[in-house]
Amino acid sequence: MTSPTALEVVDGVDLAGKVCVVTGASAGLGRESARALAKTGAHVILAARNRQALDDTEAWIRAEIPGALTSTVELDLTSLASVRSAAEAISTAAPAIHVLMNNAGVMFTPFGRTAEGFEMQFGTNHLGHFELTRLLIPQLVAAGGARIVTLSSDGHRLSDIDLDDPNWQRREYDKFAAYGASKTANILHVVELDRRLRDQRVRAYAVHPGIVATSLARHMTRDDFTALTQFAPSDPNQEKVDVRRDFTVPEFGAATQVWAAVSGDLADVGSVYLADCRIQEDVARYAVDDARARQLWDVSESLCAVAVPEDA
């Protein structure tokens, strides 16, 4: 069966009157997802950190989808101050949010820290989205049926997350393991989100988009690709990740996250891992452990709370 594009996934879908928020909407998978969701008639709020790229993407979507309803919000996930400002702007623009797509992320970055001192991959991929999602929960509940779609990756198999040292303060940094840990955190976040919110008709999904040719791999050298294929997963029962296999492009790579946002097949389902527009069972056990999901939530809440300004 030929894989669909994101636009093909939304063919015939009507989300008129609904609101979708997409992070990382100015490039790659986020850009394609935003265009597809705009085609449904939804109001799509594009969130990203680069103002010019946001404006360019909004213009592109409106040219591609005549009559598209879009707006933009600046969001830098490496700064919780920016996350909180963006959440306030989104809440003002949209009292109810029907889809929150946590799409943005970084991959295999050199060691660095966010504005609050979090390890860059954990801070960007998980904590920034954790705080944004937490702040938008009232709007998600107000929708009377909402979905949170968070991009993870089969790269979660590279590493579990060390909940005693999530910010790499006591270990030698490994960019592959750090990425894997952040993607594991994404799945654990989905597990706990769904547990907490499903009774309020908010469901959460984790998505593996495939190995997509985007600028996300800009930090990778040829040697990195070779090293990654030799990297042993922290779960010995899992296959090695082969980044050279199954490459795709954004219009196809975005299909699963868009499917997660709109598919009727998922109406009464949550806390699942999706790839190729279907539910997948091949997930590392540590990434779907309920107790670890709750522990990560507590750790994340504590880290974000410490980063709240005293006058907030």
Protein backbone atom coordinates (compact mmCIF):
# COMPACT_ATOMS: atom_id res chain seq x y z
CA MET A 1 0.00 0.00 0.00
CA THR A 2 1.35 3.43 -0.98
CA SER A 3 1.83 5.79 1.94
CA PRO A 4 -0.42 8.87 1.87
CA THR A 5 0.70 12.45 2.02
CA ALA A 6 -0.50 14.75 4.79
CA LEU A 7 -2.85 16.46 2.34
CA GLU A 8 -4.32 13.10 1.30
CA VAL A 9 -4.96 12.23 4.96
CA VAL A 10 -7.26 15.24 5.38
CA ASP A 11 -9.17 14.72 2.16
CA GLY A 12 -12.85 15.12 3.08
CA VAL A 13 -12.13 16.11 6.70
CA ASP A 14 -14.03 19.15 7.97
CA LEU A 15 -12.64 20.95 11.01
CA ALA A 16 -14.34 24.28 10.36
CA GLY A 17 -14.81 26.18 13.62
CA LYS A 18 -12.01 24.26 15.35
CA VAL A 19 -8.54 25.42 16.38
CA CYS A 20 -5.25 23.63 15.82
CA VAL A 21 -1.91 24.74 17.27
CA VAL A 22 1.29 23.51 15.62
CA THR A 23 4.73 24.11 17.12
CA GLY A 24 7.71 24.23 14.81
CA ALA A 25 5.27 25.26 12.08
CA SER A 26 7.74 27.27 10.04
CA ALA A 27 9.61 24.35 8.45
CA GLY A 28 9.62 20.66 7.65
CA LEU A 29 6.97 18.46 9.22
CA GLY A 30 5.32 21.33 11.06
CA ARG A 31 4.91 23.34 7.88
CA GLU A 32 3.34 20.41 6.04
CA SER A 33 1.09 19.60 8.99
CA ALA A 34 -0.09 23.19 9.26
CA ARG A 35 -0.95 23.30 5.55
CA ALA A 36 -2.91 20.05 5.78
CA LEU A 37 -4.84 21.17 8.85
CA ALA A 38 -5.59 24.51 7.20
CA LYS A 39 -7.14 22.57 4.31
CA THR A 40 -9.75 21.18 6.73
CA GLY A 41 -11.07 24.68 7.45
CA ALA A 42 -9.62 24.80 10.95
CA HIS A 43 -8.05 27.95 12.36
CA VAL A 44 -4.37 26.98 12.50
CA ILE A 45 -2.09 28.81 14.91
CA LEU A 46 1.49 28.59 13.66
CA ALA A 47 4.07 28.69 16.45
CA ALA A 48 7.82 28.96 15.90
CA ARG A 49 10.72 31.08 17.03
CA ASN A 50 11.71 32.78 13.76
CA ARG A 51 9.35 35.62 12.92
CA GLN A 52 10.36 35.88 9.27
CA ALA A 53 10.01 32.12 8.75
CA LEU A 54 6.58 32.25 10.39
CA ASP A 55 5.45 35.04 8.12
CA ASP A 56 6.79 33.22 5.07
CA THR A 57 5.01 30.01 6.06
CA GLU A 58 1.74 31.79 6.69
CA ALA A 59 1.95 33.43 3.26
CA TRP A 60 2.76 30.07 1.65
CA ILE A 61 -0.20 28.34 3.30
CA ARG A 62 -2.60 31.10 2.29
CA ALA A 63 -1.35 30.88 -1.29
CA GLU A 64 -1.68 27.07 -1.28
CA ILE A 65 -5.05 27.00 0.52
CA PRO A 66 -7.26 29.91 -0.56
CA GLY A 67 -9.29 31.16 2.38
CA ALA A 68 -7.03 29.48 4.94
CA LEU A 69 -7.54 30.71 8.51
CA THR A 70 -4.13 31.16 10.12
CA SER A 71 -2.39 33.22 12.73
CA THR A 72 1.11 33.20 14.16
CA VAL A 73 2.73 33.19 17.59
CA GLU A 74 6.43 33.43 18.34
CA LEU A 75 7.58 30.48 20.46
CA ASP A 76 11.11 29.61 21.51
CA LEU A 77 11.05 26.28 23.33
CA THR A 78 14.55 26.88 24.72
CA SER A 79 13.12 29.64 26.93
CA LEU A 80 10.30 28.97 29.37
CA ALA A 81 9.65 32.71 29.47
CA SER A 82 8.94 32.53 25.74
CA VAL A 83 6.82 29.42 26.24
CA ARG A 84 4.70 31.19 28.84
CA SER A 85 4.33 34.29 26.68
CA ALA A 86 3.27 32.14 23.72
CA ALA A 87 0.79 30.19 25.83
CA GLU A 88 -0.79 33.45 26.98
CA ALA A 89 -1.06 34.70 23.40
CA ILE A 90 -2.56 31.41 22.21
CA SER A 91 -5.04 31.34 25.09
CA THR A 92 -6.18 34.87 24.26
CA ALA A 93 -6.63 34.02 20.59
CA ALA A 94 -8.29 30.65 21.18
CA PRO A 95 -10.46 29.99 24.27
CA ALA A 96 -10.78 26.39 23.03
CA ILE A 97 -8.07 24.29 21.34
CA HIS A 98 -9.05 21.10 19.54
CA VAL A 99 -5.59 19.94 18.42
CA LEU A 100 -2.23 20.72 20.00
CA MET A 101 0.57 19.35 17.84
CA ASN A 102 3.87 19.35 19.71
CA ASN A 103 5.97 19.04 16.58
CA ALA A 104 9.09 21.17 17.10
CA GLY A 105 12.37 19.69 18.20
CA VAL A 106 16.13 19.41 17.88
CA MET A 107 18.28 16.36 17.20
CA PHE A 108 21.84 15.30 18.05
CA THR A 109 22.89 18.79 19.08
CA PRO A 110 26.31 19.51 20.55
CA PHE A 111 26.18 19.96 24.31
CA GLY A 112 24.35 23.11 25.25
CA ARG A 113 21.83 24.44 27.72
CA THR A 114 18.54 26.30 27.42
CA ALA A 115 17.90 29.70 28.97
CA GLU A 116 16.99 28.00 32.25
CA GLY A 117 20.01 25.68 32.19
CA PHE A 118 18.32 22.49 30.98
CA GLU A 119 20.22 20.17 28.62
CA MET A 120 19.29 21.41 25.15
CA GLN A 121 17.58 18.31 23.74
CA PHE A 122 15.66 17.44 26.91
CA GLY A 123 14.80 21.09 27.49
CA THR A 124 13.60 21.75 23.95
CA ASN A 125 11.99 18.46 22.98
CA HIS A 126 10.35 17.71 26.31
CA LEU A 127 10.32 20.48 28.91
CA GLY A 128 9.34 23.28 26.54
CA HIS A 129 6.41 21.23 25.27
CA PHE A 130 5.60 20.00 28.78
CA GLU A 131 5.15 23.56 30.00
CA LEU A 132 3.28 24.72 26.90
CA THR A 133 0.88 21.79 27.13
CA ARG A 134 0.36 22.29 30.87
CA LEU A 135 -0.53 25.93 30.35
CA LEU A 136 -2.98 25.13 27.55
CA ILE A 137 -4.85 22.36 29.38
CA PRO A 138 -7.83 24.64 30.22
CA GLN A 139 -8.25 25.47 26.53
CA LEU A 140 -7.92 21.82 25.53
CA VAL A 141 -10.56 20.78 28.07
CA ALA A 142 -12.83 23.61 26.93
CA ALA A 143 -12.89 22.13 23.41
CA GLY A 144 -15.11 19.30 24.60
CA GLY A 145 -12.97 16.77 22.76
CA ALA A 146 -9.33 17.50 21.97
CA ARG A 147 -6.14 15.75 20.91
CA ILE A 148 -2.52 16.28 21.87
CA VAL A 149 -0.13 14.95 19.24
CA THR A 150 3.52 14.81 20.29
CA LEU A 151 6.34 13.88 17.97
CA SER A 152 8.62 11.25 19.37
CA SER A 153 10.77 8.94 17.25
CA ASP A 154 11.98 5.39 16.96
CA GLY A 155 15.12 7.10 18.20
CA HIS A 156 13.63 6.64 21.69
CA ARG A 157 15.18 3.19 21.51
CA LEU A 158 18.61 4.78 21.71
CA SER A 159 18.21 5.48 25.41
CA ASP A 160 15.95 5.52 28.42
CA ILE A 161 15.89 8.77 30.38
CA ASP A 162 17.91 9.07 33.57
CA LEU A 163 15.34 10.64 35.88
CA ASP A 164 18.03 11.29 38.49
CA ASP A 165 20.16 13.27 36.03
CA PRO A 166 17.94 14.39 33.12
CA ASN A 167 20.09 17.44 32.43
CA TRP A 168 23.43 15.64 32.15
CA GLN A 169 25.02 17.33 35.13
CA ARG A 170 26.81 14.25 36.47
CA ARG A 171 27.61 12.29 33.28
CA GLU A 172 29.73 12.73 30.19
CA TYR A 173 27.43 14.05 27.49
CA ASP A 174 26.42 11.77 24.62
CA LYS A 175 24.31 13.50 21.99
CA PHE A 176 22.79 10.24 20.73
CA ALA A 177 21.76 9.06 24.19
CA ALA A 178 20.52 12.56 25.05
CA TYR A 179 18.33 12.60 21.95
CA GLY A 180 17.00 9.13 22.72
CA ALA A 181 16.23 10.18 26.28
CA SER A 182 14.31 13.24 25.09
CA LYS A 183 12.24 11.12 22.70
CA THR A 184 11.57 8.61 25.50
CA ALA A 185 10.42 11.57 27.60
CA ASN A 186 7.99 12.55 24.83
CA ILE A 187 6.32 9.13 24.97
CA LEU A 188 6.21 9.05 28.76
CA HIS A 189 4.66 12.52 28.70
CA VAL A 190 1.92 11.24 26.38
CA VAL A 191 1.23 8.29 28.67
CA GLU A 192 0.70 10.52 31.69
CA LEU A 193 -1.17 13.22 29.78
CA ASP A 194 -3.67 10.69 28.53
CA ARG A 195 -4.12 9.22 32.00
CA ARG A 196 -4.77 12.64 33.52
CA LEU A 197 -7.00 14.09 30.81
CA ARG A 198 -8.92 11.28 29.13
CA ASP A 199 -11.88 11.64 31.51
CA GLN A 200 -12.11 15.25 30.32
CA ARG A 201 -12.18 14.10 26.68
CA VAL A 202 -8.58 15.02 25.89
CA ARG A 203 -6.54 12.20 24.37
CA ALA A 204 -2.79 12.10 23.73
CA TYR A 205 -0.70 10.35 21.06
CA ALA A 206 3.00 9.87 20.35
CA VAL A 207 4.14 9.77 16.73
CA HIS A 208 7.15 8.41 14.87
CA PRO A 209 7.15 10.27 11.53
CA GLY A 210 9.78 8.09 9.89
CA ILE A 211 13.28 9.10 8.92
CA VAL A 212 12.47 12.43 7.30
CA ALA A 213 14.79 14.56 5.20
CA THR A 214 14.58 17.90 7.04
CA SER A 215 16.99 20.43 8.54
CA LEU A 216 16.66 18.57 11.84
CA ALA A 217 19.74 16.55 10.87
CA ARG A 218 21.86 19.64 10.31
CA HIS A 219 24.11 18.82 13.27
CA MET A 220 25.00 15.37 11.90
CA THR A 221 28.26 14.59 10.15
CA ARG A 222 28.98 11.56 7.99
CA ASP A 223 30.79 10.03 10.96
CA ASP A 224 27.69 10.61 13.10
CA PHE A 225 25.55 8.58 10.71
CA THR A 226 28.05 5.75 10.91
CA ALA A 227 28.28 5.94 14.69
CA LEU A 228 24.53 6.00 15.09
CA THR A 229 24.09 2.73 13.20
CA GLN A 230 26.50 1.13 15.69
CA PHE A 231 24.88 2.65 18.79
CA ALA A 232 23.50 -0.10 21.03
CA PRO A 233 19.96 0.56 22.31
CA SER A 234 19.59 0.68 26.08
CA ASP A 235 16.92 -2.03 25.80
CA PRO A 236 18.67 -5.16 24.46
CA ASN A 237 15.35 -6.46 23.15
CA GLN A 238 15.06 -3.55 20.71
CA GLU A 239 16.51 -3.38 17.21
CA LYS A 240 19.25 -0.90 16.42
CA VAL A 241 18.08 2.31 14.80
CA ASP A 242 19.11 2.51 11.15
CA VAL A 243 18.85 6.13 10.03
CA ARG A 244 19.74 5.19 6.46
CA ARG A 245 16.59 3.11 6.06
CA ASP A 246 13.15 4.33 4.98
CA PHE A 247 14.01 7.96 4.27
CA THR A 248 11.02 10.04 3.31
CA VAL A 249 10.18 13.68 2.66
CA PRO A 250 8.01 16.04 4.78
CA GLU A 251 4.77 15.78 2.78
CA PHE A 252 4.77 12.01 3.44
CA GLY A 253 6.49 12.20 6.85
CA ALA A 254 3.80 14.53 8.21
CA ALA A 255 1.00 12.10 7.32
CA THR A 256 0.98 10.18 10.61
CA GLN A 257 0.89 13.23 12.89
CA VAL A 258 -1.93 14.70 10.81
CA TRP A 259 -3.72 11.34 10.89
CA ALA A 260 -3.37 11.39 14.68
CA ALA A 261 -5.02 14.81 14.72
CA VAL A 262 -8.02 13.98 12.52
CA SER A 263 -8.64 10.24 12.20
CA GLY A 264 -11.95 8.86 13.37
CA ASP A 265 -10.17 5.57 14.05
CA LEU A 266 -8.61 7.19 17.12
CA ALA A 267 -11.78 8.77 18.52
CA ASP A 268 -11.83 6.59 21.66
CA VAL A 269 -8.14 5.72 21.78
CA GLY A 270 -5.20 7.39 23.49
CA SER A 271 -1.79 6.78 25.02
CA VAL A 272 -0.61 5.00 21.87
CA TYR A 273 2.48 5.14 19.67
CA LEU A 274 1.77 5.75 16.00
CA ALA A 275 3.75 5.28 12.78
CA ASP A 276 2.72 4.75 9.16
CA CYS A 277 -0.80 5.96 10.02
CA ARG A 278 -1.49 3.11 12.41
CA ILE A 279 -0.94 2.07 16.02
CA GLN A 280 2.42 0.42 16.63
CA GLU A 281 3.32 -2.01 19.37
CA ASP A 282 7.10 -1.86 18.88
CA VAL A 283 7.88 0.52 21.71
CA ALA A 284 10.63 0.21 24.30
CA ARG A 285 9.07 -0.97 27.54
CA TYR A 286 10.65 1.82 29.58
CA ALA A 287 8.91 4.41 27.38
CA VAL A 288 5.40 3.24 28.25
CA ASP A 289 5.87 2.44 31.94
CA ASP A 290 3.07 4.11 33.91
CA ALA A 291 5.13 4.59 37.07
CA ARG A 292 8.01 6.18 35.16
CA ALA A 293 5.56 8.42 33.32
CA ARG A 294 4.25 9.73 36.64
CA GLN A 295 7.77 10.19 37.96
CA LEU A 296 8.81 12.13 34.86
CA TRP A 297 5.76 14.36 35.25
CA ASP A 298 6.78 15.17 38.82
CA VAL A 299 10.39 15.83 37.80
CA SER A 300 9.30 18.03 34.90
CA GLU A 301 6.84 19.97 37.04
CA SER A 302 9.53 20.61 39.64
CA LEU A 303 12.08 21.76 37.05
CA CYS A 304 9.62 24.13 35.40
CA ALA A 305 8.41 25.47 38.73
CA VAL A 306 11.96 26.35 39.76
CA ALA A 307 12.25 28.32 36.53
CA VAL A 308 9.20 30.50 37.29
CA PRO A 309 10.19 34.13 38.02
CA GLU A 310 9.54 35.22 41.61
CA ASP A 311 7.10 37.93 40.50
CA ALA A 312 5.08 35.58 38.27
